[in-house]
Amino acid sequence: MRVVVFGAFGNQETADFAPVIEELAKAYGDKIQIRFKHKVLPLPHPDAVQASEASLAANAQGKFWPYHDKLFGAQGVRTAYTADSLKKYAVDLGLNASAFNTCLDTGETQFKVRNDSEEGANRG
């Protein structure tokens, strides 16, 4: 079974749905494949784009879901999604900081975030 979730960091509805994703993963284990796709809404969530890019930089090191959880855990904090905070979360999770920072700073993941957002808009 495959579940595709479109969401945005900084969006309360996405944050509220995060525990449901965790429950599905626990209930179905290897029988379910959960994909998170980025449907960023620059307004009213201006930092959502960079947070999505950072989550994909973490994904490159196999740590998307822990990084996802870290981002939603920080939601509501004014500086939660600044570049410095995003880089600190990577260090907190034991990621290779140099590789993460390079990926984030070069905009390497922007294309994927834009594609996900366009797909989400097209699907309604």
PDB file of N, CA and C in Angstrom:
ATOM      1  N   MET A   1       0.843  -1.159   0.000  1.00  0.00           N
ATOM      2  CA  MET A   1       0.000   0.000   0.000  1.00  0.00           C
ATOM      3  C   MET A   1       0.897   1.233   0.000  1.00  0.00           C
ATOM      4  N   ARG A   2       0.481   2.231  -0.764  1.00  0.00           N
ATOM      5  CA  ARG A   2       1.264   3.468  -0.849  1.00  0.00           C
ATOM      6  C   ARG A   2       0.369   4.648  -0.482  1.00  0.00           C
ATOM      7  N   VAL A   3       0.874   5.495   0.396  1.00  0.00           N
ATOM      8  CA  VAL A   3       0.167   6.698   0.819  1.00  0.00           C
ATOM      9  C   VAL A   3       1.042   7.895   0.482  1.00  0.00           C
ATOM     10  N   VAL A   4       0.460   8.877  -0.202  1.00  0.00           N
ATOM     11  CA  VAL A   4       1.179  10.099  -0.538  1.00  0.00           C
ATOM     12  C   VAL A   4       0.538  11.229   0.259  1.00  0.00           C
ATOM     13  N   VAL A   5       1.361  11.928   1.018  1.00  0.00           N
ATOM     14  CA  VAL A   5       0.898  13.045   1.840  1.00  0.00           C
ATOM     15  C   VAL A   5       1.502  14.325   1.277  1.00  0.00           C
ATOM     16  N   PHE A   6       0.654  15.278   0.937  1.00  0.00           N
ATOM     17  CA  PHE A   6       1.121  16.598   0.524  1.00  0.00           C
ATOM     18  C   PHE A   6       1.007  17.511   1.729  1.00  0.00           C
ATOM     19  N   GLY A   7       2.100  18.188   2.082  1.00  0.00           N
ATOM     20  CA  GLY A   7       2.066  19.065   3.238  1.00  0.00           C
ATOM     21  C   GLY A   7       3.159  20.105   3.187  1.00  0.00           C
ATOM     22  N   ALA A   8       3.110  20.978   4.187  1.00  0.00           N
ATOM     23  CA  ALA A   8       4.095  22.061   4.278  1.00  0.00           C
ATOM     24  C   ALA A   8       4.510  22.237   5.725  1.00  0.00           C
ATOM     25  N   PHE A   9       5.781  22.443   5.927  1.00  0.00           N
ATOM     26  CA  PHE A   9       6.280  22.760   7.258  1.00  0.00           C
ATOM     27  C   PHE A   9       5.799  24.161   7.610  1.00  0.00           C
ATOM     28  N   GLY A  10       5.354  24.332   8.851  1.00  0.00           N
ATOM     29  CA  GLY A  10       4.807  25.608   9.279  1.00  0.00           C
ATOM     30  C   GLY A  10       3.296  25.666   9.118  1.00  0.00           C
ATOM     31  N   ASN A  11       2.722  24.657   8.486  1.00  0.00           N
ATOM     32  CA  ASN A  11       1.282  24.600   8.271  1.00  0.00           C
ATOM     33  C   ASN A  11       0.650  23.757   9.382  1.00  0.00           C
ATOM     34  N   GLN A  12      -0.305  24.318  10.092  1.00  0.00           N
ATOM     35  CA  GLN A  12      -0.881  23.627  11.247  1.00  0.00           C
ATOM     36  C   GLN A  12      -1.620  22.347  10.858  1.00  0.00           C
ATOM     37  N   GLU A  13      -2.314  22.359   9.733  1.00  0.00           N
ATOM     38  CA  GLU A  13      -3.035  21.157   9.312  1.00  0.00           C
ATOM     39  C   GLU A  13      -2.074  20.002   9.046  1.00  0.00           C
ATOM     40  N   THR A  14      -0.934  20.305   8.456  1.00  0.00           N
ATOM     41  CA  THR A  14       0.066  19.272   8.207  1.00  0.00           C
ATOM     42  C   THR A  14       0.633  18.767   9.532  1.00  0.00           C
ATOM     43  N   ALA A  15       0.889  19.679  10.454  1.00  0.00           N
ATOM     44  CA  ALA A  15       1.398  19.288  11.775  1.00  0.00           C
ATOM     45  C   ALA A  15       0.389  18.407  12.503  1.00  0.00           C
ATOM     46  N   ASP A  16      -0.880  18.748  12.397  1.00  0.00           N
ATOM     47  CA  ASP A  16      -1.928  17.959  13.057  1.00  0.00           C
ATOM     48  C   ASP A  16      -2.035  16.559  12.474  1.00  0.00           C
ATOM     49  N   PHE A  17      -1.693  16.410  11.194  1.00  0.00           N
ATOM     50  CA  PHE A  17      -1.784  15.119  10.525  1.00  0.00           C
ATOM     51  C   PHE A  17      -0.557  14.238  10.778  1.00  0.00           C
ATOM     52  N   ALA A  18       0.548  14.824  11.216  1.00  0.00           N
ATOM     53  CA  ALA A  18       1.792  14.070  11.417  1.00  0.00           C
ATOM     54  C   ALA A  18       1.619  12.834  12.307  1.00  0.00           C
ATOM     55  N   PRO A  19       0.870  12.902  13.424  1.00  0.00           N
ATOM     56  CA  PRO A  19       0.689  11.690  14.237  1.00  0.00           C
ATOM     57  C   PRO A  19      -0.056  10.570  13.499  1.00  0.00           C
ATOM     58  N   VAL A  20      -0.930  10.930  12.567  1.00  0.00           N
ATOM     59  CA  VAL A  20      -1.645   9.925  11.785  1.00  0.00           C
ATOM     60  C   VAL A  20      -0.652   9.149  10.920  1.00  0.00           C
ATOM     61  N   ILE A  21       0.302   9.859  10.330  1.00  0.00           N
ATOM     62  CA  ILE A  21       1.330   9.206   9.518  1.00  0.00           C
ATOM     63  C   ILE A  21       2.107   8.207  10.368  1.00  0.00           C
ATOM     64  N   GLU A  22       2.476   8.635  11.561  1.00  0.00           N
ATOM     65  CA  GLU A  22       3.227   7.763  12.465  1.00  0.00           C
ATOM     66  C   GLU A  22       2.415   6.517  12.836  1.00  0.00           C
ATOM     67  N   GLU A  23       1.134   6.693  13.102  1.00  0.00           N
ATOM     68  CA  GLU A  23       0.278   5.555  13.443  1.00  0.00           C
ATOM     69  C   GLU A  23       0.139   4.580  12.269  1.00  0.00           C
ATOM     70  N   LEU A  24       0.000   5.111  11.060  1.00  0.00           N
ATOM     71  CA  LEU A  24      -0.069   4.246   9.876  1.00  0.00           C
ATOM     72  C   LEU A  24       1.205   3.423   9.730  1.00  0.00           C
ATOM     73  N   ALA A  25       2.343   4.085   9.920  1.00  0.00           N
ATOM     74  CA  ALA A  25       3.630   3.388   9.804  1.00  0.00           C
ATOM     75  C   ALA A  25       3.739   2.272  10.844  1.00  0.00           C
ATOM     76  N   LYS A  26       3.304   2.551  12.072  1.00  0.00           N
ATOM     77  CA  LYS A  26       3.350   1.533  13.124  1.00  0.00           C
ATOM     78  C   LYS A  26       2.385   0.392  12.843  1.00  0.00           C
ATOM     79  N   ALA A  27       1.184   0.725  12.393  1.00  0.00           N
ATOM     80  CA  ALA A  27       0.152  -0.284  12.187  1.00  0.00           C
ATOM     81  C   ALA A  27       0.457  -1.217  11.017  1.00  0.00           C
ATOM     82  N   TYR A  28       1.040  -0.669   9.952  1.00  0.00           N
ATOM     83  CA  TYR A  28       1.235  -1.462   8.742  1.00  0.00           C
ATOM     84  C   TYR A  28       2.670  -1.857   8.464  1.00  0.00           C
ATOM     85  N   GLY A  29       3.615  -1.280   9.179  1.00  0.00           N
ATOM     86  CA  GLY A  29       5.019  -1.669   9.028  1.00  0.00           C
ATOM     87  C   GLY A  29       5.495  -1.673   7.595  1.00  0.00           C
ATOM     88  N   ASP A  30       6.039  -2.814   7.172  1.00  0.00           N
ATOM     89  CA  ASP A  30       6.593  -2.945   5.820  1.00  0.00           C
ATOM     90  C   ASP A  30       5.529  -3.032   4.730  1.00  0.00           C
ATOM     91  N   LYS A  31       4.264  -3.125   5.118  1.00  0.00           N
ATOM     92  CA  LYS A  31       3.184  -3.239   4.134  1.00  0.00           C
ATOM     93  C   LYS A  31       2.751  -1.887   3.578  1.00  0.00           C
ATOM     94  N   ILE A  32       3.309  -0.807   4.133  1.00  0.00           N
ATOM     95  CA  ILE A  32       2.915   0.525   3.692  1.00  0.00           C
ATOM     96  C   ILE A  32       4.150   1.336   3.311  1.00  0.00           C
ATOM     97  N   GLN A  33       4.002   2.115   2.272  1.00  0.00           N
ATOM     98  CA  GLN A  33       5.064   3.029   1.847  1.00  0.00           C
ATOM     99  C   GLN A  33       4.471   4.431   1.927  1.00  0.00           C
ATOM    100  N   ILE A  34       5.056   5.261   2.769  1.00  0.00           N
ATOM    101  CA  ILE A  34       4.545   6.615   2.957  1.00  0.00           C
ATOM    102  C   ILE A  34       5.488   7.598   2.293  1.00  0.00           C
ATOM    103  N   ARG A  35       4.931   8.417   1.415  1.00  0.00           N
ATOM    104  CA  ARG A  35       5.701   9.447   0.706  1.00  0.00           C
ATOM    105  C   ARG A  35       5.199  10.813   1.145  1.00  0.00           C
ATOM    106  N   PHE A  36       6.112  11.673   1.524  1.00  0.00           N
ATOM    107  CA  PHE A  36       5.771  13.050   1.868  1.00  0.00           C
ATOM    108  C   PHE A  36       6.174  13.913   0.691  1.00  0.00           C
ATOM    109  N   LYS A  37       5.223  14.668   0.167  1.00  0.00           N
ATOM    110  CA  LYS A  37       5.511  15.591  -0.928  1.00  0.00           C
ATOM    111  C   LYS A  37       5.237  17.002  -0.435  1.00  0.00           C
ATOM    112  N   HIS A  38       6.021  17.907  -0.926  1.00  0.00           N
ATOM    113  CA  HIS A  38       6.017  19.288  -0.444  1.00  0.00           C
ATOM    114  C   HIS A  38       5.040  20.141  -1.236  1.00  0.00           C
ATOM    115  N   LYS A  39       4.020  20.610  -0.551  1.00  0.00           N
ATOM    116  CA  LYS A  39       3.083  21.555  -1.168  1.00  0.00           C
ATOM    117  C   LYS A  39       3.237  22.860  -0.399  1.00  0.00           C
ATOM    118  N   VAL A  40       4.296  23.561  -0.733  1.00  0.00           N
ATOM    119  CA  VAL A  40       4.641  24.767   0.028  1.00  0.00           C
ATOM    120  C   VAL A  40       3.714  25.918  -0.322  1.00  0.00           C
ATOM    121  N   LEU A  41       3.403  26.646   0.690  1.00  0.00           N
ATOM    122  CA  LEU A  41       2.538  27.816   0.583  1.00  0.00           C
ATOM    123  C   LEU A  41       3.342  29.002   1.086  1.00  0.00           C
ATOM    124  N   PRO A  42       4.050  29.698   0.191  1.00  0.00           N
ATOM    125  CA  PRO A  42       4.928  30.776   0.655  1.00  0.00           C
ATOM    126  C   PRO A  42       4.228  31.791   1.561  1.00  0.00           C
ATOM    127  N   LEU A  43       2.995  32.070   1.302  1.00  0.00           N
ATOM    128  CA  LEU A  43       2.217  32.929   2.196  1.00  0.00           C
ATOM    129  C   LEU A  43       1.098  32.074   2.741  1.00  0.00           C
ATOM    130  N   PRO A  44       0.885  31.953   3.985  1.00  0.00           N
ATOM    131  CA  PRO A  44       1.468  32.680   5.110  1.00  0.00           C
ATOM    132  C   PRO A  44       2.662  31.985   5.738  1.00  0.00           C
ATOM    133  N   HIS A  45       3.307  31.084   5.035  1.00  0.00           N
ATOM    134  CA  HIS A  45       4.440  30.325   5.585  1.00  0.00           C
ATOM    135  C   HIS A  45       5.705  30.612   4.779  1.00  0.00           C
ATOM    136  N   PRO A  46       6.291  31.801   4.924  1.00  0.00           N
ATOM    137  CA  PRO A  46       7.423  32.186   4.068  1.00  0.00           C
ATOM    138  C   PRO A  46       8.649  31.299   4.204  1.00  0.00           C
ATOM    139  N   ASP A  47       8.818  30.646   5.343  1.00  0.00           N
ATOM    140  CA  ASP A  47       9.996  29.806   5.539  1.00  0.00           C
ATOM    141  C   ASP A  47       9.770  28.354   5.132  1.00  0.00           C
ATOM    142  N   ALA A  48       8.555  28.033   4.673  1.00  0.00           N
ATOM    143  CA  ALA A  48       8.223  26.651   4.325  1.00  0.00           C
ATOM    144  C   ALA A  48       9.083  26.123   3.185  1.00  0.00           C
ATOM    145  N   VAL A  49       9.400  26.977   2.225  1.00  0.00           N
ATOM    146  CA  VAL A  49      10.208  26.533   1.086  1.00  0.00           C
ATOM    147  C   VAL A  49      11.583  26.083   1.560  1.00  0.00           C
ATOM    148  N   GLN A  50      12.244  26.905   2.348  1.00  0.00           N
ATOM    149  CA  GLN A  50      13.587  26.548   2.828  1.00  0.00           C
ATOM    150  C   GLN A  50      13.532  25.340   3.762  1.00  0.00           C
ATOM    151  N   ALA A  51      12.496  25.228   4.578  1.00  0.00           N
ATOM    152  CA  ALA A  51      12.360  24.067   5.456  1.00  0.00           C
ATOM    153  C   ALA A  51      12.183  22.789   4.630  1.00  0.00           C
ATOM    154  N   SER A  52      11.400  22.887   3.550  1.00  0.00           N
ATOM    155  CA  SER A  52      11.231  21.729   2.665  1.00  0.00           C
ATOM    156  C   SER A  52      12.551  21.346   2.010  1.00  0.00           C
ATOM    157  N   GLU A  53      13.284  22.349   1.547  1.00  0.00           N
ATOM    158  CA  GLU A  53      14.588  22.071   0.942  1.00  0.00           C
ATOM    159  C   GLU A  53      15.525  21.407   1.949  1.00  0.00           C
ATOM    160  N   ALA A  54      15.488  21.873   3.194  1.00  0.00           N
ATOM    161  CA  ALA A  54      16.339  21.285   4.225  1.00  0.00           C
ATOM    162  C   ALA A  54      15.949  19.837   4.501  1.00  0.00           C
ATOM    163  N   SER A  55      14.640  19.558   4.498  1.00  0.00           N
ATOM    164  CA  SER A  55      14.209  18.176   4.748  1.00  0.00           C
ATOM    165  C   SER A  55      14.708  17.245   3.642  1.00  0.00           C
ATOM    166  N   LEU A  56      14.793  17.753   2.425  1.00  0.00           N
ATOM    167  CA  LEU A  56      15.321  16.936   1.328  1.00  0.00           C
ATOM    168  C   LEU A  56      16.833  16.780   1.427  1.00  0.00           C
ATOM    169  N   ALA A  57      17.506  17.776   1.966  1.00  0.00           N
ATOM    170  CA  ALA A  57      18.947  17.638   2.226  1.00  0.00           C
ATOM    171  C   ALA A  57      19.170  16.557   3.285  1.00  0.00           C
ATOM    172  N   ALA A  58      18.285  16.498   4.269  1.00  0.00           N
ATOM    173  CA  ALA A  58      18.361  15.432   5.279  1.00  0.00           C
ATOM    174  C   ALA A  58      18.023  14.083   4.647  1.00  0.00           C
ATOM    175  N   ASN A  59      17.069  14.079   3.728  1.00  0.00           N
ATOM    176  CA  ASN A  59      16.687  12.847   3.042  1.00  0.00           C
ATOM    177  C   ASN A  59      17.867  12.256   2.268  1.00  0.00           C
ATOM    178  N   ALA A  60      18.711  13.121   1.716  1.00  0.00           N
ATOM    179  CA  ALA A  60      19.886  12.652   0.981  1.00  0.00           C
ATOM    180  C   ALA A  60      20.809  11.825   1.871  1.00  0.00           C
ATOM    181  N   GLN A  61      20.673  12.007   3.187  1.00  0.00           N
ATOM    182  CA  GLN A  61      21.477  11.240   4.144  1.00  0.00           C
ATOM    183  C   GLN A  61      20.625  10.201   4.880  1.00  0.00           C
ATOM    184  N   GLY A  62      19.436   9.930   4.338  1.00  0.00           N
ATOM    185  CA  GLY A  62      18.573   8.900   4.921  1.00  0.00           C
ATOM    186  C   GLY A  62      17.870   9.304   6.199  1.00  0.00           C
ATOM    187  N   LYS A  63      17.716  10.596   6.429  1.00  0.00           N
ATOM    188  CA  LYS A  63      17.133  11.066   7.693  1.00  0.00           C
ATOM    189  C   LYS A  63      15.916  11.975   7.486  1.00  0.00           C
ATOM    190  N   PHE A  64      15.131  11.718   6.425  1.00  0.00           N
ATOM    191  CA  PHE A  64      13.974  12.587   6.198  1.00  0.00           C
ATOM    192  C   PHE A  64      13.015  12.587   7.379  1.00  0.00           C
ATOM    193  N   TRP A  65      12.569  11.408   7.816  1.00  0.00           N
ATOM    194  CA  TRP A  65      11.536  11.359   8.850  1.00  0.00           C
ATOM    195  C   TRP A  65      12.006  11.917  10.192  1.00  0.00           C
ATOM    196  N   PRO A  66      13.221  11.633  10.647  1.00  0.00           N
ATOM    197  CA  PRO A  66      13.661  12.297  11.884  1.00  0.00           C
ATOM    198  C   PRO A  66      13.727  13.818  11.730  1.00  0.00           C
ATOM    199  N   TYR A  67      14.146  14.277  10.550  1.00  0.00           N
ATOM    200  CA  TYR A  67      14.221  15.725  10.310  1.00  0.00           C
ATOM    201  C   TYR A  67      12.808  16.312  10.246  1.00  0.00           C
ATOM    202  N   HIS A  68      11.909  15.622   9.584  1.00  0.00           N
ATOM    203  CA  HIS A  68      10.492  15.996   9.527  1.00  0.00           C
ATOM    204  C   HIS A  68       9.957  16.203  10.948  1.00  0.00           C
ATOM    205  N   ASP A  69      10.223  15.223  11.817  1.00  0.00           N
ATOM    206  CA  ASP A  69       9.743  15.306  13.199  1.00  0.00           C
ATOM    207  C   ASP A  69      10.361  16.489  13.938  1.00  0.00           C
ATOM    208  N   LYS A  70      11.637  16.732  13.678  1.00  0.00           N
ATOM    209  CA  LYS A  70      12.335  17.864  14.303  1.00  0.00           C
ATOM    210  C   LYS A  70      11.689  19.187  13.868  1.00  0.00           C
ATOM    211  N   LEU A  71      11.380  19.308  12.585  1.00  0.00           N
ATOM    212  CA  LEU A  71      10.764  20.538  12.081  1.00  0.00           C
ATOM    213  C   LEU A  71       9.397  20.773  12.707  1.00  0.00           C
ATOM    214  N   PHE A  72       8.574  19.738  12.770  1.00  0.00           N
ATOM    215  CA  PHE A  72       7.255  19.922  13.363  1.00  0.00           C
ATOM    216  C   PHE A  72       7.335  20.118  14.867  1.00  0.00           C
ATOM    217  N   GLY A  73       8.353  19.551  15.495  1.00  0.00           N
ATOM    218  CA  GLY A  73       8.552  19.775  16.928  1.00  0.00           C
ATOM    219  C   GLY A  73       8.914  21.216  17.251  1.00  0.00           C
ATOM    220  N   ALA A  74       9.523  21.896  16.296  1.00  0.00           N
ATOM    221  CA  ALA A  74       9.937  23.294  16.501  1.00  0.00           C
ATOM    222  C   ALA A  74       8.888  24.289  16.011  1.00  0.00           C
ATOM    223  N   GLN A  75       7.847  23.778  15.372  1.00  0.00           N
ATOM    224  CA  GLN A  75       6.830  24.670  14.807  1.00  0.00           C
ATOM    225  C   GLN A  75       6.261  25.593  15.886  1.00  0.00           C
ATOM    226  N   GLY A  76       6.074  26.826  15.518  1.00  0.00           N
ATOM    227  CA  GLY A  76       5.545  27.810  16.458  1.00  0.00           C
ATOM    228  C   GLY A  76       6.625  28.680  17.068  1.00  0.00           C
ATOM    229  N   VAL A  77       7.868  28.220  17.011  1.00  0.00           N
ATOM    230  CA  VAL A  77       8.996  29.022  17.484  1.00  0.00           C
ATOM    231  C   VAL A  77       9.352  29.996  16.362  1.00  0.00           C
ATOM    232  N   ARG A  78       9.456  31.258  16.685  1.00  0.00           N
ATOM    233  CA  ARG A  78       9.669  32.292  15.665  1.00  0.00           C
ATOM    234  C   ARG A  78      10.855  32.009  14.742  1.00  0.00           C
ATOM    235  N   THR A  79      11.924  31.475  15.283  1.00  0.00           N
ATOM    236  CA  THR A  79      13.130  31.234  14.484  1.00  0.00           C
ATOM    237  C   THR A  79      13.266  29.769  14.050  1.00  0.00           C
ATOM    238  N   ALA A  80      12.180  29.014  14.094  1.00  0.00           N
ATOM    239  CA  ALA A  80      12.238  27.567  13.841  1.00  0.00           C
ATOM    240  C   ALA A  80      12.816  27.206  12.481  1.00  0.00           C
ATOM    241  N   TYR A  81      12.537  28.008  11.450  1.00  0.00           N
ATOM    242  CA  TYR A  81      12.926  27.627  10.103  1.00  0.00           C
ATOM    243  C   TYR A  81      13.937  28.571   9.468  1.00  0.00           C
ATOM    244  N   THR A  82      14.704  29.267  10.291  1.00  0.00           N
ATOM    245  CA  THR A  82      15.788  30.081   9.742  1.00  0.00           C
ATOM    246  C   THR A  82      16.905  29.151   9.273  1.00  0.00           C
ATOM    247  N   ALA A  83      17.772  29.656   8.411  1.00  0.00           N
ATOM    248  CA  ALA A  83      18.877  28.829   7.903  1.00  0.00           C
ATOM    249  C   ALA A  83      19.735  28.294   9.051  1.00  0.00           C
ATOM    250  N   ASP A  84      20.019  29.140  10.040  1.00  0.00           N
ATOM    251  CA  ASP A  84      20.834  28.685  11.173  1.00  0.00           C
ATOM    252  C   ASP A  84      20.152  27.567  11.943  1.00  0.00           C
ATOM    253  N   SER A  85      18.845  27.703  12.172  1.00  0.00           N
ATOM    254  CA  SER A  85      18.110  26.659  12.890  1.00  0.00           C
ATOM    255  C   SER A  85      18.071  25.365  12.096  1.00  0.00           C
ATOM    256  N   LEU A  86      17.817  25.471  10.806  1.00  0.00           N
ATOM    257  CA  LEU A  86      17.746  24.281   9.963  1.00  0.00           C
ATOM    258  C   LEU A  86      19.074  23.528   9.980  1.00  0.00           C
ATOM    259  N   LYS A  87      20.174  24.267   9.956  1.00  0.00           N
ATOM    260  CA  LYS A  87      21.498  23.642   9.997  1.00  0.00           C
ATOM    261  C   LYS A  87      21.790  23.035  11.366  1.00  0.00           C
ATOM    262  N   LYS A  88      21.299  23.673  12.419  1.00  0.00           N
ATOM    263  CA  LYS A  88      21.487  23.139  13.776  1.00  0.00           C
ATOM    264  C   LYS A  88      20.743  21.810  13.932  1.00  0.00           C
ATOM    265  N   TYR A  89      19.532  21.719  13.385  1.00  0.00           N
ATOM    266  CA  TYR A  89      18.782  20.461  13.477  1.00  0.00           C
ATOM    267  C   TYR A  89      19.553  19.329  12.816  1.00  0.00           C
ATOM    268  N   ALA A  90      20.216  19.619  11.707  1.00  0.00           N
ATOM    269  CA  ALA A  90      21.004  18.597  11.020  1.00  0.00           C
ATOM    270  C   ALA A  90      22.121  18.085  11.928  1.00  0.00           C
ATOM    271  N   VAL A  91      22.782  19.006  12.599  1.00  0.00           N
ATOM    272  CA  VAL A  91      23.851  18.626  13.532  1.00  0.00           C
ATOM    273  C   VAL A  91      23.265  17.812  14.682  1.00  0.00           C
ATOM    274  N   ASP A  92      22.128  18.268  15.224  1.00  0.00           N
ATOM    275  CA  ASP A  92      21.462  17.560  16.329  1.00  0.00           C
ATOM    276  C   ASP A  92      21.144  16.112  15.961  1.00  0.00           C
ATOM    277  N   LEU A  93      20.825  15.879  14.693  1.00  0.00           N
ATOM    278  CA  LEU A  93      20.470  14.531  14.242  1.00  0.00           C
ATOM    279  C   LEU A  93      21.673  13.718  13.770  1.00  0.00           C
ATOM    280  N   GLY A  94      22.863  14.304  13.875  1.00  0.00           N
ATOM    281  CA  GLY A  94      24.082  13.583  13.514  1.00  0.00           C
ATOM    282  C   GLY A  94      24.338  13.482  12.019  1.00  0.00           C
ATOM    283  N   LEU A  95      23.757  14.396  11.262  1.00  0.00           N
ATOM    284  CA  LEU A  95      24.010  14.402   9.821  1.00  0.00           C
ATOM    285  C   LEU A  95      25.393  14.962   9.516  1.00  0.00           C
ATOM    286  N   ASN A  96      25.894  14.646   8.351  1.00  0.00           N
ATOM    287  CA  ASN A  96      27.142  15.234   7.892  1.00  0.00           C
ATOM    288  C   ASN A  96      26.840  16.702   7.593  1.00  0.00           C
ATOM    289  N   ALA A  97      27.278  17.586   8.464  1.00  0.00           N
ATOM    290  CA  ALA A  97      26.932  19.007   8.378  1.00  0.00           C
ATOM    291  C   ALA A  97      27.435  19.639   7.085  1.00  0.00           C
ATOM    292  N   SER A  98      28.625  19.284   6.672  1.00  0.00           N
ATOM    293  CA  SER A  98      29.187  19.867   5.457  1.00  0.00           C
ATOM    294  C   SER A  98      28.331  19.522   4.237  1.00  0.00           C
ATOM    295  N   ALA A  99      27.979  18.256   4.094  1.00  0.00           N
ATOM    296  CA  ALA A  99      27.160  17.827   2.961  1.00  0.00           C
ATOM    297  C   ALA A  99      25.767  18.451   3.035  1.00  0.00           C
ATOM    298  N   PHE A 100      25.186  18.502   4.241  1.00  0.00           N
ATOM    299  CA  PHE A 100      23.868  19.098   4.420  1.00  0.00           C
ATOM    300  C   PHE A 100      23.887  20.575   4.039  1.00  0.00           C
ATOM    301  N   ASN A 101      24.872  21.304   4.574  1.00  0.00           N
ATOM    302  CA  ASN A 101      24.968  22.743   4.312  1.00  0.00           C
ATOM    303  C   ASN A 101      25.174  23.032   2.824  1.00  0.00           C
ATOM    304  N   THR A 102      26.009  22.240   2.181  1.00  0.00           N
ATOM    305  CA  THR A 102      26.237  22.424   0.748  1.00  0.00           C
ATOM    306  C   THR A 102      24.943  22.209  -0.022  1.00  0.00           C
ATOM    307  N   CYS A 103      24.232  21.161   0.305  1.00  0.00           N
ATOM    308  CA  CYS A 103      22.968  20.862  -0.367  1.00  0.00           C
ATOM    309  C   CYS A 103      21.971  22.006  -0.161  1.00  0.00           C
ATOM    310  N   LEU A 104      21.869  22.494   1.058  1.00  0.00           N
ATOM    311  CA  LEU A 104      20.924  23.570   1.366  1.00  0.00           C
ATOM    312  C   LEU A 104      21.364  24.891   0.736  1.00  0.00           C
ATOM    313  N   ASP A 105      22.628  25.227   0.865  1.00  0.00           N
ATOM    314  CA  ASP A 105      23.122  26.528   0.394  1.00  0.00           C
ATOM    315  C   ASP A 105      23.128  26.663  -1.129  1.00  0.00           C
ATOM    316  N   THR A 106      23.279  25.556  -1.838  1.00  0.00           N
ATOM    317  CA  THR A 106      23.331  25.623  -3.299  1.00  0.00           C
ATOM    318  C   THR A 106      21.949  25.559  -3.946  1.00  0.00           C
ATOM    319  N   GLY A 107      20.929  25.294  -3.155  1.00  0.00           N
ATOM    320  CA  GLY A 107      19.584  25.203  -3.709  1.00  0.00           C
ATOM    321  C   GLY A 107      19.360  23.936  -4.511  1.00  0.00           C
ATOM    322  N   GLU A 108      20.160  22.936  -4.220  1.00  0.00           N
ATOM    323  CA  GLU A 108      20.140  21.666  -4.945  1.00  0.00           C
ATOM    324  C   GLU A 108      18.757  21.003  -4.953  1.00  0.00           C
ATOM    325  N   THR A 109      17.956  21.247  -3.925  1.00  0.00           N
ATOM    326  CA  THR A 109      16.668  20.561  -3.797  1.00  0.00           C
ATOM    327  C   THR A 109      15.470  21.428  -4.210  1.00  0.00           C
ATOM    328  N   GLN A 110      15.725  22.645  -4.677  1.00  0.00           N
ATOM    329  CA  GLN A 110      14.623  23.551  -5.051  1.00  0.00           C
ATOM    330  C   GLN A 110      13.717  22.954  -6.121  1.00  0.00           C
ATOM    331  N   PHE A 111      14.305  22.307  -7.102  1.00  0.00           N
ATOM    332  CA  PHE A 111      13.540  21.749  -8.213  1.00  0.00           C
ATOM    333  C   PHE A 111      12.525  20.717  -7.712  1.00  0.00           C
ATOM    334  N   LYS A 112      12.956  19.851  -6.808  1.00  0.00           N
ATOM    335  CA  LYS A 112      12.074  18.808  -6.258  1.00  0.00           C
ATOM    336  C   LYS A 112      10.922  19.444  -5.475  1.00  0.00           C
ATOM    337  N   VAL A 113      11.215  20.457  -4.681  1.00  0.00           N
ATOM    338  CA  VAL A 113      10.169  21.132  -3.910  1.00  0.00           C
ATOM    339  C   VAL A 113       9.151  21.775  -4.854  1.00  0.00           C
ATOM    340  N   ARG A 114       9.627  22.437  -5.883  1.00  0.00           N
ATOM    341  CA  ARG A 114       8.720  23.066  -6.860  1.00  0.00           C
ATOM    342  C   ARG A 114       7.869  22.026  -7.589  1.00  0.00           C
ATOM    343  N   ASN A 115       8.498  20.928  -7.992  1.00  0.00           N
ATOM    344  CA  ASN A 115       7.745  19.872  -8.680  1.00  0.00           C
ATOM    345  C   ASN A 115       6.659  19.280  -7.793  1.00  0.00           C
ATOM    346  N   ASP A 116       7.005  19.007  -6.538  1.00  0.00           N
ATOM    347  CA  ASP A 116       6.015  18.482  -5.601  1.00  0.00           C
ATOM    348  C   ASP A 116       4.851  19.456  -5.450  1.00  0.00           C
ATOM    349  N   SER A 117       5.168  20.736  -5.296  1.00  0.00           N
ATOM    350  CA  SER A 117       4.122  21.746  -5.113  1.00  0.00           C
ATOM    351  C   SER A 117       3.209  21.837  -6.329  1.00  0.00           C
ATOM    352  N   GLU A 118       3.800  21.790  -7.510  1.00  0.00           N
ATOM    353  CA  GLU A 118       2.999  21.823  -8.735  1.00  0.00           C
ATOM    354  C   GLU A 118       2.118  20.582  -8.847  1.00  0.00           C
ATOM    355  N   GLU A 119       2.675  19.432  -8.503  1.00  0.00           N
ATOM    356  CA  GLU A 119       1.883  18.190  -8.539  1.00  0.00           C
ATOM    357  C   GLU A 119       0.709  18.294  -7.557  1.00  0.00           C
ATOM    358  N   GLY A 120       0.971  18.791  -6.365  1.00  0.00           N
ATOM    359  CA  GLY A 120      -0.095  18.944  -5.377  1.00  0.00           C
ATOM    360  C   GLY A 120      -1.186  19.890  -5.843  1.00  0.00           C
ATOM    361  N   ALA A 121      -0.786  20.989  -6.464  1.00  0.00           N
ATOM    362  CA  ALA A 121      -1.760  21.954  -6.987  1.00  0.00           C
ATOM    363  C   ALA A 121      -2.587  21.314  -8.105  1.00  0.00           C
ATOM    364  N   ASN A 122      -1.935  20.540  -8.965  1.00  0.00           N
ATOM    365  CA  ASN A 122      -2.641  19.877 -10.058  1.00  0.00           C
ATOM    366  C   ASN A 122      -3.616  18.816  -9.575  1.00  0.00           C
ATOM    367  N   ARG A 123      -3.263  18.161  -8.476  1.00  0.00           N
ATOM    368  CA  ARG A 123      -4.137  17.112  -7.918  1.00  0.00           C
ATOM    369  C   ARG A 123      -5.272  17.705  -7.085  1.00  0.00           C
ATOM    370  N   GLY A 124      -5.124  18.991  -6.722  1.00  0.00           N
ATOM    371  CA  GLY A 124      -6.172  19.655  -5.933  1.00  0.00           C
ATOM    372  C   GLY A 124      -6.037  19.323  -4.494  1.00  0.00           C
TER     373      GLY A 124
END
